[in-house]
Amino acid sequence: MSGAVTHVAALVVLDGALLLQRRAATRTFLPGAWDVVGGAVEAGESLEDAVRREVLEETGLVATEVGPWVSDVRFEDGDGRACRELGAITRVGPGVPRAEPGKADAVALVTALDAFVEDNRRRGHGDVLVRSAGAALAWLGARQEQRPPLR
């Protein structure tokens, strides 16, 4: 992996599903898009600390486990800067996730992305969700396949 990591994605897993949020329509970058929890890494902050901070800020939940790292996404931000985002499977403590006021309008727990990807495409955001959320759902799916059958 080359290039400095500028952003983290917290691929929050709850009850076997992935947490998504709909970005507020007033946001300058990806307005109204379904996306994962995450954001910029602050100066001097470790990637794990950035994940923990973003989860708390954006959902009100406390991250209890960060990792494994399952996605590596490159994108341009709203100002045309090149960004690199690493995404970690993130487990959280008890509670109900909430949307961060002013930044997100809704949250959803999902096990499939098709409807959310299609909604993003209709809003002109392409497949932005597929790279990070898709990696998380693939990881979850692999874990489901490894579980022994219930008797």
Protein backbone atom coordinates (compact mmCIF):
# COMPACT_ATOMS: atom_id res chain seq x y z
CA MET A 1 0.00 0.00 0.00
CA SER A 2 1.52 3.28 -1.05
CA GLY A 3 0.46 6.87 -0.49
CA ALA A 4 -0.37 8.60 2.73
CA VAL A 5 -3.63 7.64 4.38
CA THR A 6 -5.78 10.76 4.74
CA HIS A 7 -9.12 9.22 5.74
CA VAL A 8 -10.55 6.24 7.59
CA ALA A 9 -13.77 4.31 7.11
CA ALA A 10 -15.32 2.72 10.17
CA LEU A 11 -17.12 -0.30 8.77
CA VAL A 12 -19.44 -0.62 11.76
CA VAL A 13 -20.88 -4.10 12.22
CA LEU A 14 -24.01 -4.57 14.36
CA ASP A 15 -25.92 -7.84 14.64
CA GLY A 16 -24.37 -9.22 11.45
CA ALA A 17 -25.22 -6.13 9.39
CA LEU A 18 -23.28 -3.07 8.23
CA LEU A 19 -24.20 0.41 9.40
CA LEU A 20 -24.70 2.99 6.63
CA GLN A 21 -25.63 6.63 6.92
CA ARG A 22 -27.21 9.04 4.47
CA ARG A 23 -25.10 12.18 4.25
CA ALA A 24 -27.10 15.39 4.72
CA ALA A 25 -28.21 17.05 1.47
CA THR A 26 -26.46 20.22 2.63
CA ARG A 27 -22.99 18.60 2.63
CA THR A 28 -20.63 19.87 -0.08
CA PHE A 29 -19.05 16.44 -0.69
CA LEU A 30 -21.44 13.64 -1.70
CA PRO A 31 -24.65 15.40 -0.60
CA GLY A 32 -27.46 12.95 0.10
CA ALA A 33 -25.26 9.89 -0.56
CA TRP A 34 -25.42 6.67 1.41
CA ASP A 35 -21.97 6.11 2.88
CA VAL A 36 -20.10 4.40 5.70
CA VAL A 37 -19.01 6.15 8.88
CA GLY A 38 -15.65 7.86 8.56
CA GLY A 39 -13.65 10.96 7.86
CA ALA A 40 -10.28 12.66 7.81
CA VAL A 41 -7.40 11.60 10.03
CA GLU A 42 -6.33 14.54 12.20
CA ALA A 43 -2.68 15.57 12.62
CA GLY A 44 -0.88 13.28 15.07
CA GLU A 45 -3.82 10.87 15.29
CA SER A 46 -3.40 7.12 14.76
CA LEU A 47 -5.68 5.41 12.26
CA GLU A 48 -7.34 3.42 15.05
CA ASP A 49 -7.93 6.58 17.11
CA ALA A 50 -9.41 8.29 14.04
CA VAL A 51 -11.86 5.37 13.60
CA ARG A 52 -12.86 5.54 17.26
CA ARG A 53 -13.38 9.32 17.12
CA GLU A 54 -15.42 9.19 13.90
CA VAL A 55 -17.68 6.42 15.26
CA LEU A 56 -18.40 8.39 18.42
CA GLU A 57 -18.97 11.68 16.56
CA GLU A 58 -21.13 10.23 13.80
CA THR A 59 -23.16 7.58 15.65
CA GLY A 60 -22.89 8.25 19.37
CA LEU A 61 -21.56 4.70 19.84
CA VAL A 62 -18.22 3.65 21.35
CA ALA A 63 -15.93 1.53 19.18
CA THR A 64 -14.76 -1.52 21.14
CA GLU A 65 -12.75 -3.28 18.40
CA VAL A 66 -11.06 -1.84 15.32
CA GLY A 67 -9.82 -4.25 12.64
CA PRO A 68 -9.18 -6.04 10.48
CA TRP A 69 -8.52 -3.43 7.79
CA VAL A 70 -10.44 -4.63 4.72
CA SER A 71 -10.67 -1.73 2.25
CA ASP A 72 -8.24 0.68 0.59
CA VAL A 73 -10.01 3.35 -1.46
CA ARG A 74 -8.64 6.31 -3.37
CA PHE A 75 -10.84 9.28 -4.25
CA GLU A 76 -10.81 13.02 -4.82
CA ASP A 77 -12.48 15.17 -2.20
CA GLY A 78 -14.79 18.08 -2.99
CA ASP A 79 -11.76 20.35 -3.53
CA GLY A 80 -10.08 17.95 -5.98
CA ARG A 81 -7.43 16.73 -3.51
CA ALA A 82 -6.27 13.13 -3.85
CA CYS A 83 -7.29 11.10 -0.79
CA ARG A 84 -6.62 7.58 0.42
CA GLU A 85 -9.04 5.92 2.85
CA LEU A 86 -8.45 2.68 4.75
CA GLY A 87 -11.50 0.91 6.14
CA ALA A 88 -11.61 -1.24 9.26
CA ILE A 89 -14.27 -3.62 10.47
CA THR A 90 -15.42 -1.91 13.67
CA ARG A 91 -17.38 -3.39 16.54
CA VAL A 92 -19.24 -1.11 18.93
CA GLY A 93 -20.61 -1.24 22.45
CA PRO A 94 -24.31 -1.32 23.29
CA GLY A 95 -26.61 1.42 22.13
CA VAL A 96 -28.69 2.65 19.24
CA PRO A 97 -26.84 4.44 16.44
CA ARG A 98 -28.00 7.94 15.61
CA ALA A 99 -27.32 10.23 12.68
CA GLU A 100 -24.98 13.13 13.49
CA PRO A 101 -27.08 16.33 13.33
CA GLY A 102 -26.16 18.47 10.33
CA LYS A 103 -23.97 15.78 8.79
CA ALA A 104 -26.31 12.81 8.27
CA ASP A 105 -30.07 12.45 7.90
CA ALA A 106 -30.55 8.72 8.47
CA VAL A 107 -28.85 5.47 9.41
CA ALA A 108 -29.56 1.95 8.18
CA LEU A 109 -28.33 -1.56 8.99
CA VAL A 110 -27.86 -3.50 5.76
CA THR A 111 -26.82 -6.91 4.52
CA ALA A 112 -27.08 -6.01 0.81
CA LEU A 113 -26.08 -2.85 -1.04
CA ASP A 114 -28.07 -2.93 -4.28
CA ALA A 115 -30.85 -0.50 -3.29
CA PHE A 116 -28.39 1.92 -1.66
CA VAL A 117 -25.99 1.85 -4.61
CA GLU A 118 -28.90 2.46 -6.99
CA ASP A 119 -30.09 5.39 -4.86
CA ASN A 120 -26.57 6.86 -4.95
CA ARG A 121 -26.42 6.44 -8.74
CA ARG A 122 -29.72 8.30 -9.13
CA ARG A 123 -28.20 11.15 -7.12
CA GLY A 124 -25.11 11.24 -9.36
CA HIS A 125 -22.70 9.62 -6.90
CA GLY A 126 -21.87 6.51 -8.92
CA ASP A 127 -20.54 3.46 -7.12
CA VAL A 128 -18.84 5.32 -4.26
CA LEU A 129 -20.39 2.96 -1.71
CA VAL A 130 -19.32 -0.29 -3.34
CA ARG A 131 -15.60 -0.17 -2.61
CA SER A 132 -15.70 0.24 1.18
CA ALA A 133 -19.11 -1.16 2.10
CA GLY A 134 -18.75 -3.97 -0.43
CA ALA A 135 -15.47 -5.05 1.17
CA ALA A 136 -17.13 -5.06 4.60
CA LEU A 137 -20.10 -7.14 3.43
CA ALA A 138 -17.75 -9.59 1.68
CA TRP A 139 -15.83 -9.94 4.96
CA LEU A 140 -19.10 -10.50 6.86
CA GLY A 141 -20.24 -13.06 4.29
CA ALA A 142 -17.01 -15.01 4.62
CA ARG A 143 -17.47 -15.12 8.40
CA GLN A 144 -21.04 -16.41 7.99
CA GLU A 145 -19.83 -19.24 5.72
CA GLN A 146 -17.25 -20.31 8.31
CA ARG A 147 -19.79 -20.75 11.12
CA PRO A 148 -20.82 -24.31 11.90
CA PRO A 149 -24.47 -25.09 11.14
CA LEU A 150 -26.95 -24.83 14.02
CA ARG A 151 -28.21 -28.13 15.36
